[in-house]
Amino acid sequence: MDRSFSPKSQSAHMERQLAHLKILSRLLGHEQHAQQGPKITLSREEFSEIQTSIDLFIEEFLRNRGPAGSLTDVDVRPAPARVN
């Protein structure tokens, strides 16, 4: 399957992919301004939305990257979270 795009459609496609990160950035910026203390607390729902946005971006990136040079063979191991 040929995945060649015109420069105009490539630009539009990239903008759609970056939309997930823009949403994530706005959510984090909103929380930063809403909570003025030294620490920021997120609800489970907000945390889930952030995780979903990142997952959607990664899936879209990998889907459009195609089989050549695919990152799907990378072994991703979760890192232990630091608890204070």
C-alpha atoms as a PDB file:
ATOM      1  CA  MET A   1       0.000   0.000   0.000  1.00  0.00           C
ATOM      2  CA  ASP A   2       1.450   3.329  -1.067  1.00  0.00           C
ATOM      3  CA  ARG A   3       1.225   5.922   1.700  1.00  0.00           C
ATOM      4  CA  SER A   4       2.493   8.885  -0.294  1.00  0.00           C
ATOM      5  CA  PHE A   5       0.814  12.170   0.552  1.00  0.00           C
ATOM      6  CA  SER A   6       0.933  15.533  -1.151  1.00  0.00           C
ATOM      7  CA  PRO A   7       2.722  18.222   0.881  1.00  0.00           C
ATOM      8  CA  LYS A   8      -0.648  19.844   1.686  1.00  0.00           C
ATOM      9  CA  SER A   9      -2.219  16.606   2.913  1.00  0.00           C
ATOM     10  CA  GLN A  10       0.931  15.751   4.893  1.00  0.00           C
ATOM     11  CA  SER A  11       0.653  19.070   6.698  1.00  0.00           C
ATOM     12  CA  ALA A  12      -3.039  18.509   7.499  1.00  0.00           C
ATOM     13  CA  HIS A  13      -2.291  14.967   8.642  1.00  0.00           C
ATOM     14  CA  MET A  14       0.492  16.166  10.958  1.00  0.00           C
ATOM     15  CA  GLU A  15      -1.815  18.803  12.425  1.00  0.00           C
ATOM     16  CA  ARG A  16      -4.397  16.116  13.243  1.00  0.00           C
ATOM     17  CA  GLN A  17      -1.728  14.017  14.951  1.00  0.00           C
ATOM     18  CA  LEU A  18      -0.472  16.970  16.975  1.00  0.00           C
ATOM     19  CA  ALA A  19      -4.011  17.842  18.078  1.00  0.00           C
ATOM     20  CA  HIS A  20      -3.775  15.135  20.770  1.00  0.00           C
ATOM     21  CA  LEU A  21      -0.675  16.758  22.229  1.00  0.00           C
ATOM     22  CA  LYS A  22      -2.256  20.218  22.061  1.00  0.00           C
ATOM     23  CA  ILE A  23      -5.225  18.967  24.104  1.00  0.00           C
ATOM     24  CA  LEU A  24      -2.864  17.396  26.620  1.00  0.00           C
ATOM     25  CA  SER A  25      -0.842  20.599  26.901  1.00  0.00           C
ATOM     26  CA  ARG A  26      -3.973  22.691  27.469  1.00  0.00           C
ATOM     27  CA  LEU A  27      -5.214  20.327  30.171  1.00  0.00           C
ATOM     28  CA  LEU A  28      -1.883  20.501  31.999  1.00  0.00           C
ATOM     29  CA  GLY A  29      -1.729  24.279  31.612  1.00  0.00           C
ATOM     30  CA  HIS A  30      -5.238  24.626  33.011  1.00  0.00           C
ATOM     31  CA  GLU A  31      -4.356  22.507  36.038  1.00  0.00           C
ATOM     32  CA  GLN A  32      -1.153  24.464  36.599  1.00  0.00           C
ATOM     33  CA  HIS A  33      -3.031  27.777  36.661  1.00  0.00           C
ATOM     34  CA  ALA A  34      -5.961  26.422  38.680  1.00  0.00           C
ATOM     35  CA  GLN A  35      -3.736  25.027  41.446  1.00  0.00           C
ATOM     36  CA  GLN A  36      -1.359  27.668  42.755  1.00  0.00           C
ATOM     37  CA  GLY A  37       0.447  25.524  45.352  1.00  0.00           C
ATOM     38  CA  PRO A  38       3.865  23.892  44.937  1.00  0.00           C
ATOM     39  CA  LYS A  39       2.244  20.562  43.971  1.00  0.00           C
ATOM     40  CA  ILE A  40      -0.415  19.755  41.393  1.00  0.00           C
ATOM     41  CA  THR A  41      -2.998  17.081  42.125  1.00  0.00           C
ATOM     42  CA  LEU A  42      -4.816  15.254  39.337  1.00  0.00           C
ATOM     43  CA  SER A  43      -7.961  13.196  39.681  1.00  0.00           C
ATOM     44  CA  ARG A  44      -8.051   9.659  38.328  1.00  0.00           C
ATOM     45  CA  GLU A  45     -10.247  10.919  35.485  1.00  0.00           C
ATOM     46  CA  GLU A  46      -7.783  13.652  34.525  1.00  0.00           C
ATOM     47  CA  PHE A  47      -4.880  11.230  34.721  1.00  0.00           C
ATOM     48  CA  SER A  48      -6.790   8.774  32.543  1.00  0.00           C
ATOM     49  CA  GLU A  49      -7.472  11.512  29.962  1.00  0.00           C
ATOM     50  CA  ILE A  50      -3.770  12.358  29.808  1.00  0.00           C
ATOM     51  CA  GLN A  51      -2.845   8.708  29.376  1.00  0.00           C
ATOM     52  CA  THR A  52      -5.500   8.252  26.666  1.00  0.00           C
ATOM     53  CA  SER A  53      -4.233  11.300  24.751  1.00  0.00           C
ATOM     54  CA  ILE A  54      -0.674   9.997  24.799  1.00  0.00           C
ATOM     55  CA  ASP A  55      -1.795   6.503  23.776  1.00  0.00           C
ATOM     56  CA  LEU A  56      -3.835   7.877  20.860  1.00  0.00           C
ATOM     57  CA  PHE A  57      -0.886   9.923  19.649  1.00  0.00           C
ATOM     58  CA  ILE A  58       1.446   6.917  19.821  1.00  0.00           C
ATOM     59  CA  GLU A  59      -1.038   4.626  18.036  1.00  0.00           C
ATOM     60  CA  GLU A  60      -1.619   7.172  15.281  1.00  0.00           C
ATOM     61  CA  PHE A  61       2.107   7.727  14.856  1.00  0.00           C
ATOM     62  CA  LEU A  62       2.833   4.011  14.627  1.00  0.00           C
ATOM     63  CA  ARG A  63      -0.096   3.378  12.284  1.00  0.00           C
ATOM     64  CA  ASN A  64       1.134   6.023   9.858  1.00  0.00           C
ATOM     65  CA  ARG A  65       4.763   5.081  10.147  1.00  0.00           C
ATOM     66  CA  GLY A  66       4.049   1.751   8.447  1.00  0.00           C
ATOM     67  CA  PRO A  67       5.993  -1.507   8.495  1.00  0.00           C
ATOM     68  CA  ALA A  68       9.300  -0.041   7.308  1.00  0.00           C
ATOM     69  CA  GLY A  69      11.191   1.097  10.376  1.00  0.00           C
ATOM     70  CA  SER A  70       8.310   0.256  12.648  1.00  0.00           C
ATOM     71  CA  LEU A  71       8.734   0.707  16.377  1.00  0.00           C
ATOM     72  CA  THR A  72       6.245  -2.036  17.223  1.00  0.00           C
ATOM     73  CA  ASP A  73       9.074  -4.485  18.048  1.00  0.00           C
ATOM     74  CA  VAL A  74      10.416  -2.275  20.826  1.00  0.00           C
ATOM     75  CA  ASP A  75      10.158  -3.849  24.259  1.00  0.00           C
ATOM     76  CA  VAL A  76       8.451  -1.302  26.490  1.00  0.00           C
ATOM     77  CA  ARG A  77       8.676  -2.110  30.178  1.00  0.00           C
ATOM     78  CA  PRO A  78       6.864   0.045  32.704  1.00  0.00           C
ATOM     79  CA  ALA A  79       9.104   1.919  35.097  1.00  0.00           C
ATOM     80  CA  PRO A  80       8.263   1.796  38.794  1.00  0.00           C
ATOM     81  CA  ALA A  81       6.585   4.973  39.996  1.00  0.00           C
ATOM     82  CA  ARG A  82       8.217   7.006  42.714  1.00  0.00           C
ATOM     83  CA  VAL A  83       5.969   7.399  45.715  1.00  0.00           C
ATOM     84  CA  ASN A  84       6.661  10.245  48.113  1.00  0.00           C
END
